[in-house]
Amino acid sequence: MEKQGYQYDEDGKGEVQLVFNFVDPKAPTVYRRKGKGTFVVTVGLFDNLAEHILKEGYPLFIRFLGNLMIYLDGSQSPLKTHFITLEQRCYCIQSDNDEAHYFESVYERLKPLATSKCD
């Protein structure tokens, strides 16, 4: 994200537009937005692959109060990254040995959602 011009704001005192809320699926934590323009991406690492990612992941996603959920399947290698949307859509990208390519793919999926503005 920093390579794309984003700045890390550790204390959250600036105008935060994008938040990554890293959660433990067994102990949900919620990020409370301070402004309506904040886009929250919930990120969770799951040890067991669900038979139906959307069916298992969506209720958790709603509980975390995010705009998008990244469901990381840690049960296999290479890592699979599932994106779950509020519209109950789910799509996947698979990591490979090229870490830079993987994070670029994640960024390309996030960019249109996280940078859109409603007036």
C-alpha atoms as a PDB file:
ATOM      1  CA  MET A   1       0.000   0.000   0.000  1.00  0.00           C
ATOM      2  CA  GLU A   2       2.839   2.380   0.803  1.00  0.00           C
ATOM      3  CA  LYS A   3       4.350   1.748  -2.636  1.00  0.00           C
ATOM      4  CA  GLN A   4       1.062   3.029  -4.069  1.00  0.00           C
ATOM      5  CA  GLY A   5       1.237   6.290  -2.108  1.00  0.00           C
ATOM      6  CA  TYR A   6      -0.735   5.367   1.016  1.00  0.00           C
ATOM      7  CA  GLN A   7       0.599   6.462   4.390  1.00  0.00           C
ATOM      8  CA  TYR A   8       0.447   4.435   7.579  1.00  0.00           C
ATOM      9  CA  ASP A   9      -1.272   6.314  10.411  1.00  0.00           C
ATOM     10  CA  GLU A  10      -0.549   4.324  13.561  1.00  0.00           C
ATOM     11  CA  ASP A  11      -2.484   6.510  15.981  1.00  0.00           C
ATOM     12  CA  GLY A  12      -5.399   7.213  13.621  1.00  0.00           C
ATOM     13  CA  LYS A  13      -5.372  10.934  14.322  1.00  0.00           C
ATOM     14  CA  GLY A  14      -5.255  11.887  10.653  1.00  0.00           C
ATOM     15  CA  GLU A  15      -8.090  11.655   8.150  1.00  0.00           C
ATOM     16  CA  VAL A  16      -8.238   7.870   7.876  1.00  0.00           C
ATOM     17  CA  GLN A  17      -9.807   6.629   4.637  1.00  0.00           C
ATOM     18  CA  LEU A  18      -8.768   2.964   4.640  1.00  0.00           C
ATOM     19  CA  VAL A  19      -8.486   0.641   7.640  1.00  0.00           C
ATOM     20  CA  PHE A  20      -7.265  -2.940   7.751  1.00  0.00           C
ATOM     21  CA  ASN A  21      -8.885  -4.638  10.735  1.00  0.00           C
ATOM     22  CA  PHE A  22      -6.921  -7.844  11.395  1.00  0.00           C
ATOM     23  CA  VAL A  23      -9.177 -10.129  13.407  1.00  0.00           C
ATOM     24  CA  ASP A  24      -9.115 -13.437  15.221  1.00  0.00           C
ATOM     25  CA  PRO A  25     -12.130 -15.365  13.868  1.00  0.00           C
ATOM     26  CA  LYS A  26     -12.663 -16.911  17.321  1.00  0.00           C
ATOM     27  CA  ALA A  27     -12.645 -13.538  19.113  1.00  0.00           C
ATOM     28  CA  PRO A  28     -14.245 -10.899  16.863  1.00  0.00           C
ATOM     29  CA  THR A  29     -13.149  -7.299  17.260  1.00  0.00           C
ATOM     30  CA  VAL A  30     -14.868  -4.404  15.576  1.00  0.00           C
ATOM     31  CA  TYR A  31     -13.313  -1.229  14.222  1.00  0.00           C
ATOM     32  CA  ARG A  32     -15.610   1.698  14.980  1.00  0.00           C
ATOM     33  CA  ARG A  33     -15.461   4.259  12.199  1.00  0.00           C
ATOM     34  CA  LYS A  34     -14.932   7.856  13.177  1.00  0.00           C
ATOM     35  CA  GLY A  35     -16.131   9.086   9.798  1.00  0.00           C
ATOM     36  CA  LYS A  36     -18.511   7.795   7.154  1.00  0.00           C
ATOM     37  CA  GLY A  37     -15.773   8.002   4.504  1.00  0.00           C
ATOM     38  CA  THR A  38     -13.676   5.267   6.140  1.00  0.00           C
ATOM     39  CA  PHE A  39     -13.472   1.980   4.205  1.00  0.00           C
ATOM     40  CA  VAL A  40     -12.830  -0.996   6.502  1.00  0.00           C
ATOM     41  CA  VAL A  41     -11.208  -4.172   5.188  1.00  0.00           C
ATOM     42  CA  THR A  42     -11.555  -7.044   7.649  1.00  0.00           C
ATOM     43  CA  VAL A  43      -8.716  -9.567   7.350  1.00  0.00           C
ATOM     44  CA  GLY A  44      -8.913 -12.993   8.992  1.00  0.00           C
ATOM     45  CA  LEU A  45      -6.679 -16.062   8.804  1.00  0.00           C
ATOM     46  CA  PHE A  46      -8.620 -19.324   8.940  1.00  0.00           C
ATOM     47  CA  ASP A  47      -6.956 -22.676   9.629  1.00  0.00           C
ATOM     48  CA  ASN A  48      -9.654 -24.814   8.049  1.00  0.00           C
ATOM     49  CA  LEU A  49     -11.037 -24.270   4.586  1.00  0.00           C
ATOM     50  CA  ALA A  50     -14.799 -23.990   4.705  1.00  0.00           C
ATOM     51  CA  GLU A  51     -16.792 -26.097   2.295  1.00  0.00           C
ATOM     52  CA  HIS A  52     -18.611 -22.933   1.259  1.00  0.00           C
ATOM     53  CA  ILE A  53     -16.518 -19.810   1.886  1.00  0.00           C
ATOM     54  CA  LEU A  54     -19.413 -17.387   1.468  1.00  0.00           C
ATOM     55  CA  LYS A  55     -21.768 -19.387   3.705  1.00  0.00           C
ATOM     56  CA  GLU A  56     -19.228 -19.533   6.547  1.00  0.00           C
ATOM     57  CA  GLY A  57     -17.471 -16.221   6.014  1.00  0.00           C
ATOM     58  CA  TYR A  58     -20.377 -13.850   5.398  1.00  0.00           C
ATOM     59  CA  PRO A  59     -21.920 -14.036   8.909  1.00  0.00           C
ATOM     60  CA  LEU A  60     -18.473 -13.371  10.404  1.00  0.00           C
ATOM     61  CA  PHE A  61     -17.927 -10.518   7.971  1.00  0.00           C
ATOM     62  CA  ILE A  62     -21.202  -8.874   9.055  1.00  0.00           C
ATOM     63  CA  ARG A  63     -20.272  -9.323  12.720  1.00  0.00           C
ATOM     64  CA  PHE A  64     -16.944  -7.512  12.117  1.00  0.00           C
ATOM     65  CA  LEU A  65     -18.746  -4.492  10.532  1.00  0.00           C
ATOM     66  CA  GLY A  66     -16.393  -4.135   7.564  1.00  0.00           C
ATOM     67  CA  ASN A  67     -16.943  -3.076   3.971  1.00  0.00           C
ATOM     68  CA  LEU A  68     -14.969  -6.020   2.572  1.00  0.00           C
ATOM     69  CA  MET A  69     -13.557  -9.185   4.097  1.00  0.00           C
ATOM     70  CA  ILE A  70     -10.336 -10.894   3.113  1.00  0.00           C
ATOM     71  CA  TYR A  71     -10.654 -14.530   4.139  1.00  0.00           C
ATOM     72  CA  LEU A  72      -7.185 -16.060   4.153  1.00  0.00           C
ATOM     73  CA  ASP A  73      -7.205 -19.835   3.809  1.00  0.00           C
ATOM     74  CA  GLY A  74      -4.192 -20.982   5.813  1.00  0.00           C
ATOM     75  CA  SER A  75      -5.052 -24.673   5.513  1.00  0.00           C
ATOM     76  CA  GLN A  76      -3.027 -25.188   2.360  1.00  0.00           C
ATOM     77  CA  SER A  77      -0.039 -23.923   0.491  1.00  0.00           C
ATOM     78  CA  PRO A  78       0.046 -21.767  -1.507  1.00  0.00           C
ATOM     79  CA  LEU A  79      -2.238 -19.446   0.437  1.00  0.00           C
ATOM     80  CA  LYS A  80      -5.655 -18.724  -1.080  1.00  0.00           C
ATOM     81  CA  THR A  81      -7.153 -15.303  -0.563  1.00  0.00           C
ATOM     82  CA  HIS A  82     -10.923 -15.004  -0.754  1.00  0.00           C
ATOM     83  CA  PHE A  83     -12.655 -11.634  -0.976  1.00  0.00           C
ATOM     84  CA  ILE A  84     -16.186 -11.434   0.451  1.00  0.00           C
ATOM     85  CA  THR A  85     -18.326  -8.407  -0.383  1.00  0.00           C
ATOM     86  CA  LEU A  86     -21.419  -6.879   1.230  1.00  0.00           C
ATOM     87  CA  GLU A  87     -23.358  -7.878  -1.890  1.00  0.00           C
ATOM     88  CA  GLN A  88     -22.689 -11.524  -0.948  1.00  0.00           C
ATOM     89  CA  ARG A  89     -20.126 -12.078  -3.678  1.00  0.00           C
ATOM     90  CA  CYS A  90     -16.978 -14.100  -3.221  1.00  0.00           C
ATOM     91  CA  TYR A  91     -13.915 -14.318  -5.456  1.00  0.00           C
ATOM     92  CA  CYS A  92     -10.452 -15.738  -4.969  1.00  0.00           C
ATOM     93  CA  ILE A  93      -6.830 -15.151  -5.856  1.00  0.00           C
ATOM     94  CA  GLN A  94      -4.088 -17.644  -5.160  1.00  0.00           C
ATOM     95  CA  SER A  95      -0.650 -16.653  -3.986  1.00  0.00           C
ATOM     96  CA  ASP A  96       2.419 -17.881  -5.757  1.00  0.00           C
ATOM     97  CA  ASN A  97       6.126 -17.662  -5.082  1.00  0.00           C
ATOM     98  CA  ASP A  98       6.184 -14.067  -6.331  1.00  0.00           C
ATOM     99  CA  GLU A  99       5.249 -12.045  -3.245  1.00  0.00           C
ATOM    100  CA  ALA A 100       5.306  -8.717  -5.109  1.00  0.00           C
ATOM    101  CA  HIS A 101       2.868 -10.059  -7.729  1.00  0.00           C
ATOM    102  CA  TYR A 102       0.550 -11.414  -5.028  1.00  0.00           C
ATOM    103  CA  PHE A 103       0.341  -8.089  -3.146  1.00  0.00           C
ATOM    104  CA  GLU A 104      -0.124  -6.214  -6.422  1.00  0.00           C
ATOM    105  CA  SER A 105      -3.087  -8.515  -7.170  1.00  0.00           C
ATOM    106  CA  VAL A 106      -4.568  -7.824  -3.726  1.00  0.00           C
ATOM    107  CA  TYR A 107      -4.080  -4.078  -4.237  1.00  0.00           C
ATOM    108  CA  GLU A 108      -5.750  -4.180  -7.667  1.00  0.00           C
ATOM    109  CA  ARG A 109      -8.798  -5.856  -6.082  1.00  0.00           C
ATOM    110  CA  LEU A 110      -8.967  -3.317  -3.240  1.00  0.00           C
ATOM    111  CA  LYS A 111      -8.254  -0.123  -5.137  1.00  0.00           C
ATOM    112  CA  PRO A 112     -11.611   0.438  -6.893  1.00  0.00           C
ATOM    113  CA  LEU A 113     -13.588  -0.275  -3.735  1.00  0.00           C
ATOM    114  CA  ALA A 114     -11.412   1.566  -1.262  1.00  0.00           C
ATOM    115  CA  THR A 115     -10.949   4.695  -3.368  1.00  0.00           C
ATOM    116  CA  SER A 116     -14.542   5.236  -4.506  1.00  0.00           C
ATOM    117  CA  LYS A 117     -16.337   8.203  -2.976  1.00  0.00           C
ATOM    118  CA  CYS A 118     -20.030   8.912  -2.606  1.00  0.00           C
ATOM    119  CA  ASP A 119     -21.116  12.539  -2.518  1.00  0.00           C
END
